[in-house]
Amino acid sequence: MINFYVKSGKATTFVLIDLILYALQISNVFFYRHALKKVIASGFAFALGQAMVFFIYAGALRFGCYLISIGDMAAIEVLG
């Protein structure tokens, strides 16, 4: 089939090449969109994980400040 198009003339050869290039562009757009969705999802997952670590540290700091303010612990004891 391709051999027939190639032998029949330059115009059909260029049309065939254009069709092949168009098909490659469409497939690249599909893979790009799929990869973009995966990147966005992994970015949100990473952000959520980092936010959880931040809030845990913030809670621990607040609890340490509370213990110091009521006089239950000294500042050096909270650090150790």
N, C-alpha and C. Protein backbone atom coordinates (compact mmCIF):
# COMPACT_ATOMS: atom_id res chain seq x y z
N MET A 1 0.83 -1.19 0.00
CA MET A 1 0.00 0.00 0.00
C MET A 1 0.87 1.26 0.00
N ILE A 2 1.85 1.33 0.93
CA ILE A 2 2.74 2.50 0.98
C ILE A 2 3.59 2.55 -0.28
N ASN A 3 4.03 1.37 -0.74
CA ASN A 3 4.82 1.30 -1.95
C ASN A 3 4.05 1.87 -3.14
N PHE A 4 2.75 1.60 -3.23
CA PHE A 4 1.92 2.14 -4.30
C PHE A 4 1.88 3.66 -4.24
N TYR A 5 1.72 4.23 -3.02
CA TYR A 5 1.66 5.67 -2.88
C TYR A 5 2.99 6.32 -3.23
N VAL A 6 4.07 5.68 -2.85
CA VAL A 6 5.39 6.24 -3.14
C VAL A 6 5.67 6.22 -4.63
N LYS A 7 5.26 5.16 -5.34
CA LYS A 7 5.54 5.05 -6.77
C LYS A 7 4.62 5.93 -7.61
N SER A 8 3.48 6.32 -7.07
CA SER A 8 2.51 7.03 -7.91
C SER A 8 2.84 8.51 -8.10
N GLY A 9 3.69 9.09 -7.28
CA GLY A 9 4.05 10.48 -7.52
C GLY A 9 4.41 11.20 -6.23
N LYS A 10 4.97 12.40 -6.43
CA LYS A 10 5.41 13.17 -5.29
C LYS A 10 4.26 13.68 -4.45
N ALA A 11 3.16 14.06 -5.08
CA ALA A 11 2.04 14.66 -4.35
C ALA A 11 1.47 13.67 -3.35
N THR A 12 1.26 12.44 -3.77
CA THR A 12 0.70 11.46 -2.84
C THR A 12 1.73 11.09 -1.77
N THR A 13 3.00 11.13 -2.11
CA THR A 13 4.04 10.84 -1.13
C THR A 13 4.02 11.92 -0.04
N PHE A 14 3.90 13.17 -0.46
CA PHE A 14 3.86 14.25 0.53
C PHE A 14 2.59 14.18 1.36
N VAL A 15 1.48 13.78 0.76
CA VAL A 15 0.24 13.64 1.51
C VAL A 15 0.40 12.53 2.55
N LEU A 16 1.02 11.43 2.16
CA LEU A 16 1.23 10.33 3.09
C LEU A 16 2.14 10.75 4.23
N ILE A 17 3.19 11.47 3.91
CA ILE A 17 4.10 11.95 4.96
C ILE A 17 3.37 12.90 5.88
N ASP A 18 2.54 13.78 5.30
CA ASP A 18 1.75 14.70 6.14
C ASP A 18 0.81 13.95 7.06
N LEU A 19 0.19 12.89 6.56
CA LEU A 19 -0.71 12.09 7.40
C LEU A 19 0.05 11.41 8.54
N ILE A 20 1.21 10.90 8.23
CA ILE A 20 2.02 10.25 9.26
C ILE A 20 2.46 11.28 10.32
N LEU A 21 2.90 12.45 9.87
CA LEU A 21 3.31 13.49 10.82
C LEU A 21 2.13 13.98 11.65
N TYR A 22 0.95 14.08 11.04
CA TYR A 22 -0.25 14.49 11.78
C TYR A 22 -0.60 13.45 12.84
N ALA A 23 -0.51 12.18 12.49
CA ALA A 23 -0.80 11.12 13.45
C ALA A 23 0.20 11.17 14.61
N LEU A 24 1.46 11.43 14.32
CA LEU A 24 2.46 11.55 15.38
C LEU A 24 2.19 12.75 16.29
N GLN A 25 1.76 13.86 15.70
CA GLN A 25 1.45 15.03 16.50
C GLN A 25 0.26 14.77 17.42
N ILE A 26 -0.76 14.09 16.90
CA ILE A 26 -1.94 13.78 17.71
C ILE A 26 -1.54 12.86 18.87
N SER A 27 -0.72 11.85 18.59
CA SER A 27 -0.30 10.94 19.65
C SER A 27 0.57 11.67 20.67
N ASN A 28 1.41 12.60 20.22
CA ASN A 28 2.23 13.37 21.16
C ASN A 28 1.38 14.26 22.04
N VAL A 29 0.31 14.83 21.49
CA VAL A 29 -0.59 15.66 22.29
C VAL A 29 -1.25 14.81 23.36
N PHE A 30 -1.66 13.59 23.01
CA PHE A 30 -2.29 12.70 23.98
C PHE A 30 -1.32 12.35 25.09
N PHE A 31 -0.09 11.99 24.75
CA PHE A 31 0.89 11.64 25.77
C PHE A 31 1.27 12.85 26.61
N TYR A 32 1.30 14.03 25.99
CA TYR A 32 1.61 15.25 26.73
C TYR A 32 0.52 15.53 27.76
N ARG A 33 -0.73 15.40 27.36
CA ARG A 33 -1.83 15.66 28.30
C ARG A 33 -1.82 14.64 29.43
N HIS A 34 -1.56 13.40 29.10
CA HIS A 34 -1.50 12.36 30.13
C HIS A 34 -0.35 12.63 31.11
N ALA A 35 0.81 13.00 30.57
CA ALA A 35 1.96 13.31 31.42
C ALA A 35 1.69 14.55 32.26
N LEU A 36 1.01 15.53 31.69
CA LEU A 36 0.68 16.74 32.44
C LEU A 36 -0.24 16.42 33.61
N LYS A 37 -1.21 15.55 33.41
CA LYS A 37 -2.10 15.15 34.51
C LYS A 37 -1.32 14.43 35.61
N LYS A 38 -0.38 13.57 35.21
CA LYS A 38 0.42 12.85 36.20
C LYS A 38 1.31 13.81 36.98
N VAL A 39 1.88 14.79 36.31
CA VAL A 39 2.76 15.75 36.98
C VAL A 39 1.96 16.59 37.97
N ILE A 40 0.77 17.03 37.57
CA ILE A 40 -0.06 17.83 38.46
C ILE A 40 -0.48 17.01 39.67
N ALA A 41 -0.87 15.76 39.46
CA ALA A 41 -1.28 14.90 40.57
C ALA A 41 -0.13 14.64 41.53
N SER A 42 1.05 14.36 41.00
CA SER A 42 2.19 14.12 41.89
C SER A 42 2.62 15.41 42.60
N GLY A 43 2.45 16.55 41.96
CA GLY A 43 2.74 17.83 42.61
C GLY A 43 1.82 18.08 43.79
N PHE A 44 0.53 17.81 43.60
CA PHE A 44 -0.41 17.98 44.71
C PHE A 44 -0.12 16.99 45.83
N ALA A 45 0.25 15.76 45.50
CA ALA A 45 0.57 14.78 46.53
C ALA A 45 1.81 15.21 47.32
N PHE A 46 2.82 15.71 46.63
CA PHE A 46 4.02 16.19 47.31
C PHE A 46 3.70 17.38 48.20
N ALA A 47 2.89 18.31 47.69
CA ALA A 47 2.52 19.48 48.48
C ALA A 47 1.74 19.08 49.73
N LEU A 48 0.85 18.12 49.59
CA LEU A 48 0.09 17.65 50.75
C LEU A 48 1.01 17.02 51.80
N GLY A 49 1.95 16.22 51.36
CA GLY A 49 2.91 15.61 52.28
C GLY A 49 3.76 16.64 53.00
N GLN A 50 4.24 17.63 52.26
CA GLN A 50 5.05 18.68 52.88
C GLN A 50 4.23 19.53 53.83
N ALA A 51 2.96 19.78 53.49
CA ALA A 51 2.09 20.55 54.38
C ALA A 51 1.84 19.79 55.68
N MET A 52 1.67 18.48 55.60
CA MET A 52 1.46 17.69 56.81
C MET A 52 2.68 17.76 57.73
N VAL A 53 3.87 17.66 57.16
CA VAL A 53 5.09 17.77 57.96
C VAL A 53 5.18 19.15 58.60
N PHE A 54 4.86 20.19 57.84
CA PHE A 54 4.89 21.55 58.38
C PHE A 54 3.93 21.70 59.55
N PHE A 55 2.71 21.21 59.41
CA PHE A 55 1.72 21.37 60.48
C PHE A 55 2.07 20.52 61.70
N ILE A 56 2.69 19.38 61.50
CA ILE A 56 3.13 18.58 62.66
C ILE A 56 4.22 19.32 63.43
N TYR A 57 5.18 19.89 62.71
CA TYR A 57 6.22 20.68 63.38
C TYR A 57 5.63 21.90 64.07
N ALA A 58 4.67 22.56 63.43
CA ALA A 58 4.03 23.73 64.03
C ALA A 58 3.28 23.34 65.30
N GLY A 59 2.60 22.20 65.27
CA GLY A 59 1.90 21.73 66.47
C GLY A 59 2.85 21.40 67.60
N ALA A 60 3.97 20.77 67.26
CA ALA A 60 4.96 20.44 68.29
C ALA A 60 5.56 21.70 68.88
N LEU A 61 5.82 22.69 68.05
CA LEU A 61 6.35 23.97 68.54
C LEU A 61 5.34 24.65 69.45
N ARG A 62 4.09 24.66 69.04
CA ARG A 62 3.04 25.29 69.85
C ARG A 62 2.88 24.58 71.20
N PHE A 63 2.95 23.25 71.17
CA PHE A 63 2.83 22.48 72.42
C PHE A 63 4.02 22.77 73.34
N GLY A 64 5.22 22.89 72.76
CA GLY A 64 6.40 23.24 73.56
C GLY A 64 6.26 24.62 74.16
N CYS A 65 5.74 25.58 73.39
CA CYS A 65 5.52 26.93 73.92
C CYS A 65 4.48 26.91 75.04
N TYR A 66 3.47 26.09 74.89
CA TYR A 66 2.45 25.96 75.94
C TYR A 66 3.06 25.40 77.22
N LEU A 67 3.89 24.37 77.09
CA LEU A 67 4.52 23.78 78.27
C LEU A 67 5.43 24.77 78.98
N ILE A 68 6.13 25.61 78.21
CA ILE A 68 6.99 26.62 78.81
C ILE A 68 6.14 27.70 79.49
N SER A 69 5.03 28.10 78.86
CA SER A 69 4.22 29.19 79.40
C SER A 69 3.52 28.81 80.72
N ILE A 70 3.16 27.55 80.89
CA ILE A 70 2.50 27.15 82.15
C ILE A 70 3.53 26.76 83.21
N GLY A 71 4.81 26.76 82.83
CA GLY A 71 5.87 26.47 83.79
C GLY A 71 6.10 25.00 84.02
N ASP A 72 5.56 24.15 83.18
CA ASP A 72 5.74 22.71 83.35
C ASP A 72 7.14 22.26 82.92
N MET A 73 7.71 22.95 81.94
CA MET A 73 9.05 22.63 81.45
C MET A 73 9.85 23.91 81.23
N ALA A 74 11.17 23.78 81.27
CA ALA A 74 12.04 24.90 80.92
C ALA A 74 12.34 24.83 79.43
N ALA A 75 12.84 25.93 78.89
CA ALA A 75 13.10 25.99 77.45
C ALA A 75 14.13 24.95 77.03
N ILE A 76 15.15 24.73 77.84
CA ILE A 76 16.18 23.76 77.49
C ILE A 76 15.64 22.33 77.52
N GLU A 77 14.66 22.08 78.38
CA GLU A 77 14.05 20.75 78.45
C GLU A 77 13.19 20.45 77.22
N VAL A 78 12.57 21.49 76.68
CA VAL A 78 11.74 21.29 75.48
C VAL A 78 12.63 20.93 74.30
N LEU A 79 13.79 21.52 74.20
CA LEU A 79 14.69 21.24 73.08
C LEU A 79 15.29 19.84 73.17
N GLY A 80 15.46 19.32 74.37
CA GLY A 80 16.12 18.04 74.54
C GLY A 80 15.19 16.93 74.50
